[in-house]
Amino acid sequence: MTSIALEALSLSRTGDREGAIALLLAARDNGPLDEPATSVLFTLLGDRGDDVDDHALRVELCDHALTLVARPMQRSTWHLRRGLLHVERREGARALVDLQRVLALKASDDHLDQARAALLQVAALSPKKGPRR
């Protein structure tokens, strides 16, 4: 793990989550974060709670991470994260793309289970059509 990611984790562990987020955002402003730092920032933003809307930034972090990773497990992780963010926002079409990629990658049984469960949520978002006459 990179030193910036480790420093942010250290701040977070001492209770300074906002300081850790600020550190990573400042580093990001000075150049692209590597995957470990991106992952730490993604997680810290998700732990902020419902009173702060970091959805767009978290999706952007997923987009960025997908440009950095090549291994199927890493790609699956970031597609799953982004897909779940889209499900939270009821963005069914966008969620569908990411969740189908998770299924295609078949990187882990856990990811497959989570993607299938999220796909059921996506299906519930779709408008119900009555029988054709």
C-alpha atoms as a PDB file:
ATOM      1  CA  MET A   1       0.000   0.000   0.000  1.00  0.00           C
ATOM      2  CA  THR A   2       1.252   3.475  -0.794  1.00  0.00           C
ATOM      3  CA  SER A   3       2.388   5.929   1.842  1.00  0.00           C
ATOM      4  CA  ILE A   4      -0.522   8.332   1.172  1.00  0.00           C
ATOM      5  CA  ALA A   5      -3.016   5.492   1.617  1.00  0.00           C
ATOM      6  CA  LEU A   6      -1.279   4.371   4.816  1.00  0.00           C
ATOM      7  CA  GLU A   7      -1.228   7.924   6.172  1.00  0.00           C
ATOM      8  CA  ALA A   8      -4.939   8.311   5.437  1.00  0.00           C
ATOM      9  CA  LEU A   9      -5.712   5.005   7.139  1.00  0.00           C
ATOM     10  CA  SER A  10      -3.696   6.086  10.161  1.00  0.00           C
ATOM     11  CA  LEU A  11      -5.680   9.330  10.417  1.00  0.00           C
ATOM     12  CA  SER A  12      -8.935   7.444  10.056  1.00  0.00           C
ATOM     13  CA  ARG A  13      -7.999   4.948  12.756  1.00  0.00           C
ATOM     14  CA  THR A  14      -7.351   7.791  15.198  1.00  0.00           C
ATOM     15  CA  GLY A  15     -10.849   9.099  14.488  1.00  0.00           C
ATOM     16  CA  ASP A  16      -9.950  11.800  11.997  1.00  0.00           C
ATOM     17  CA  ARG A  17     -11.938  10.471   9.051  1.00  0.00           C
ATOM     18  CA  GLU A  18     -12.489  13.939   7.596  1.00  0.00           C
ATOM     19  CA  GLY A  19      -8.759  14.646   7.847  1.00  0.00           C
ATOM     20  CA  ALA A  20      -8.036  11.421   5.995  1.00  0.00           C
ATOM     21  CA  ILE A  21     -10.528  12.361   3.281  1.00  0.00           C
ATOM     22  CA  ALA A  22      -9.043  15.854   3.000  1.00  0.00           C
ATOM     23  CA  LEU A  23      -5.527  14.395   2.715  1.00  0.00           C
ATOM     24  CA  LEU A  24      -6.546  12.078  -0.119  1.00  0.00           C
ATOM     25  CA  LEU A  25      -8.560  14.755  -1.919  1.00  0.00           C
ATOM     26  CA  ALA A  26      -5.573  17.115  -1.742  1.00  0.00           C
ATOM     27  CA  ALA A  27      -3.300  14.390  -3.104  1.00  0.00           C
ATOM     28  CA  ARG A  28      -5.832  13.764  -5.867  1.00  0.00           C
ATOM     29  CA  ASP A  29      -5.808  17.461  -6.745  1.00  0.00           C
ATOM     30  CA  ASN A  30      -2.026  17.206  -7.249  1.00  0.00           C
ATOM     31  CA  GLY A  31      -2.240  14.184  -9.548  1.00  0.00           C
ATOM     32  CA  PRO A  32      -4.098  10.935  -9.999  1.00  0.00           C
ATOM     33  CA  LEU A  33      -4.273   8.595  -7.031  1.00  0.00           C
ATOM     34  CA  ASP A  34      -3.043   5.039  -7.306  1.00  0.00           C
ATOM     35  CA  GLU A  35      -5.496   2.174  -6.798  1.00  0.00           C
ATOM     36  CA  PRO A  36      -4.873   1.620  -3.054  1.00  0.00           C
ATOM     37  CA  ALA A  37      -5.374   5.314  -2.264  1.00  0.00           C
ATOM     38  CA  THR A  38      -8.440   5.395  -4.514  1.00  0.00           C
ATOM     39  CA  SER A  39      -9.865   2.426  -2.629  1.00  0.00           C
ATOM     40  CA  VAL A  40      -9.240   4.019   0.768  1.00  0.00           C
ATOM     41  CA  LEU A  41     -10.878   7.275  -0.344  1.00  0.00           C
ATOM     42  CA  PHE A  42     -13.854   5.395  -1.794  1.00  0.00           C
ATOM     43  CA  THR A  43     -14.351   3.564   1.506  1.00  0.00           C
ATOM     44  CA  LEU A  44     -13.948   6.643   3.679  1.00  0.00           C
ATOM     45  CA  LEU A  45     -16.471   8.576   1.588  1.00  0.00           C
ATOM     46  CA  GLY A  46     -18.943   5.717   1.927  1.00  0.00           C
ATOM     47  CA  ASP A  47     -18.593   5.797   5.696  1.00  0.00           C
ATOM     48  CA  ARG A  48     -19.611   9.466   5.905  1.00  0.00           C
ATOM     49  CA  GLY A  49     -23.305   8.696   6.127  1.00  0.00           C
ATOM     50  CA  ASP A  50     -26.418   9.966   4.431  1.00  0.00           C
ATOM     51  CA  ASP A  51     -25.943  13.618   5.360  1.00  0.00           C
ATOM     52  CA  VAL A  52     -23.133  14.047   2.777  1.00  0.00           C
ATOM     53  CA  ASP A  53     -23.769  13.257  -0.880  1.00  0.00           C
ATOM     54  CA  ASP A  54     -20.562  11.871  -2.358  1.00  0.00           C
ATOM     55  CA  HIS A  55     -22.266   9.752  -5.024  1.00  0.00           C
ATOM     56  CA  ALA A  56     -20.767  11.494  -8.062  1.00  0.00           C
ATOM     57  CA  LEU A  57     -17.277  11.501  -6.564  1.00  0.00           C
ATOM     58  CA  ARG A  58     -17.522   7.817  -5.650  1.00  0.00           C
ATOM     59  CA  VAL A  59     -18.628   6.934  -9.191  1.00  0.00           C
ATOM     60  CA  GLU A  60     -15.717   9.001 -10.516  1.00  0.00           C
ATOM     61  CA  LEU A  61     -13.342   7.066  -8.248  1.00  0.00           C
ATOM     62  CA  CYS A  62     -14.690   3.798  -9.656  1.00  0.00           C
ATOM     63  CA  ASP A  63     -14.156   5.090 -13.188  1.00  0.00           C
ATOM     64  CA  HIS A  64     -10.589   6.069 -12.321  1.00  0.00           C
ATOM     65  CA  ALA A  65      -9.789   2.780 -10.595  1.00  0.00           C
ATOM     66  CA  LEU A  66     -11.002   0.828 -13.608  1.00  0.00           C
ATOM     67  CA  THR A  67      -8.340   2.589 -15.681  1.00  0.00           C
ATOM     68  CA  LEU A  68      -5.673   1.372 -13.255  1.00  0.00           C
ATOM     69  CA  VAL A  69      -6.505  -2.274 -12.643  1.00  0.00           C
ATOM     70  CA  ALA A  70      -6.160  -5.259 -14.938  1.00  0.00           C
ATOM     71  CA  ARG A  71      -6.721  -8.373 -12.845  1.00  0.00           C
ATOM     72  CA  PRO A  72     -10.253  -9.819 -13.002  1.00  0.00           C
ATOM     73  CA  MET A  73     -10.767  -9.668  -9.224  1.00  0.00           C
ATOM     74  CA  GLN A  74      -9.847  -5.982  -9.084  1.00  0.00           C
ATOM     75  CA  ARG A  75     -11.998  -5.140 -12.106  1.00  0.00           C
ATOM     76  CA  SER A  76     -14.895  -7.085 -10.621  1.00  0.00           C
ATOM     77  CA  THR A  77     -14.543  -5.210  -7.326  1.00  0.00           C
ATOM     78  CA  TRP A  78     -14.721  -1.809  -8.984  1.00  0.00           C
ATOM     79  CA  HIS A  79     -17.561  -2.763 -11.350  1.00  0.00           C
ATOM     80  CA  LEU A  80     -19.504  -4.151  -8.386  1.00  0.00           C
ATOM     81  CA  ARG A  81     -18.908  -0.995  -6.358  1.00  0.00           C
ATOM     82  CA  ARG A  82     -20.034   1.238  -9.213  1.00  0.00           C
ATOM     83  CA  GLY A  83     -23.006  -0.991  -9.997  1.00  0.00           C
ATOM     84  CA  LEU A  84     -24.182  -0.869  -6.388  1.00  0.00           C
ATOM     85  CA  LEU A  85     -23.858   2.920  -6.371  1.00  0.00           C
ATOM     86  CA  HIS A  86     -26.092   3.055  -9.440  1.00  0.00           C
ATOM     87  CA  VAL A  87     -28.629   0.747  -7.761  1.00  0.00           C
ATOM     88  CA  GLU A  88     -28.718   3.091  -4.746  1.00  0.00           C
ATOM     89  CA  ARG A  89     -29.580   5.945  -7.109  1.00  0.00           C
ATOM     90  CA  ARG A  90     -32.149   3.861  -8.973  1.00  0.00           C
ATOM     91  CA  GLU A  91     -30.094   4.150 -12.168  1.00  0.00           C
ATOM     92  CA  GLY A  92     -31.079   0.755 -13.479  1.00  0.00           C
ATOM     93  CA  ALA A  93     -29.521   0.899 -16.953  1.00  0.00           C
ATOM     94  CA  ARG A  94     -26.133   1.987 -15.607  1.00  0.00           C
ATOM     95  CA  ALA A  95     -26.257  -0.570 -12.821  1.00  0.00           C
ATOM     96  CA  LEU A  96     -27.116  -3.291 -15.304  1.00  0.00           C
ATOM     97  CA  VAL A  97     -23.957  -2.667 -17.354  1.00  0.00           C
ATOM     98  CA  ASP A  98     -21.634  -2.942 -14.344  1.00  0.00           C
ATOM     99  CA  LEU A  99     -23.409  -5.874 -12.737  1.00  0.00           C
ATOM    100  CA  GLN A 100     -23.357  -7.831 -15.997  1.00  0.00           C
ATOM    101  CA  ARG A 101     -19.607  -7.220 -16.206  1.00  0.00           C
ATOM    102  CA  VAL A 102     -19.224  -8.664 -12.711  1.00  0.00           C
ATOM    103  CA  LEU A 103     -21.101 -11.767 -13.840  1.00  0.00           C
ATOM    104  CA  ALA A 104     -18.952 -12.049 -16.977  1.00  0.00           C
ATOM    105  CA  LEU A 105     -15.703 -11.732 -15.020  1.00  0.00           C
ATOM    106  CA  LYS A 106     -16.659 -14.540 -12.586  1.00  0.00           C
ATOM    107  CA  ALA A 107     -13.881 -13.378 -10.277  1.00  0.00           C
ATOM    108  CA  SER A 108     -15.410 -14.632  -7.030  1.00  0.00           C
ATOM    109  CA  ASP A 109     -18.504 -16.396  -5.793  1.00  0.00           C
ATOM    110  CA  ASP A 110     -19.150 -13.536  -3.374  1.00  0.00           C
ATOM    111  CA  HIS A 111     -19.126 -10.981  -6.193  1.00  0.00           C
ATOM    112  CA  LEU A 112     -21.435 -13.180  -8.244  1.00  0.00           C
ATOM    113  CA  ASP A 113     -23.872 -13.470  -5.331  1.00  0.00           C
ATOM    114  CA  GLN A 114     -23.832  -9.719  -4.697  1.00  0.00           C
ATOM    115  CA  ALA A 115     -24.292  -8.935  -8.395  1.00  0.00           C
ATOM    116  CA  ARG A 116     -27.226 -11.342  -8.696  1.00  0.00           C
ATOM    117  CA  ALA A 117     -28.904  -9.822  -5.635  1.00  0.00           C
ATOM    118  CA  ALA A 118     -28.374  -6.322  -7.024  1.00  0.00           C
ATOM    119  CA  LEU A 119     -29.771  -7.391 -10.407  1.00  0.00           C
ATOM    120  CA  LEU A 120     -32.981  -8.403  -8.626  1.00  0.00           C
ATOM    121  CA  GLN A 121     -33.133  -4.866  -7.240  1.00  0.00           C
ATOM    122  CA  VAL A 122     -32.599  -3.487 -10.757  1.00  0.00           C
ATOM    123  CA  ALA A 123     -35.436  -5.652 -12.038  1.00  0.00           C
ATOM    124  CA  ALA A 124     -37.682  -4.223  -9.322  1.00  0.00           C
ATOM    125  CA  LEU A 125     -36.829  -0.708 -10.577  1.00  0.00           C
ATOM    126  CA  SER A 126     -38.119  -1.448 -14.060  1.00  0.00           C
ATOM    127  CA  PRO A 127     -41.662  -0.307 -14.779  1.00  0.00           C
ATOM    128  CA  LYS A 128     -44.115  -3.157 -14.748  1.00  0.00           C
ATOM    129  CA  LYS A 129     -45.855  -3.830 -18.011  1.00  0.00           C
ATOM    130  CA  GLY A 130     -49.299  -5.301 -18.021  1.00  0.00           C
ATOM    131  CA  PRO A 131     -50.391  -8.116 -20.318  1.00  0.00           C
ATOM    132  CA  ARG A 132     -50.652  -7.267 -23.995  1.00  0.00           C
ATOM    133  CA  ARG A 133     -54.068  -7.139 -25.510  1.00  0.00           C
END
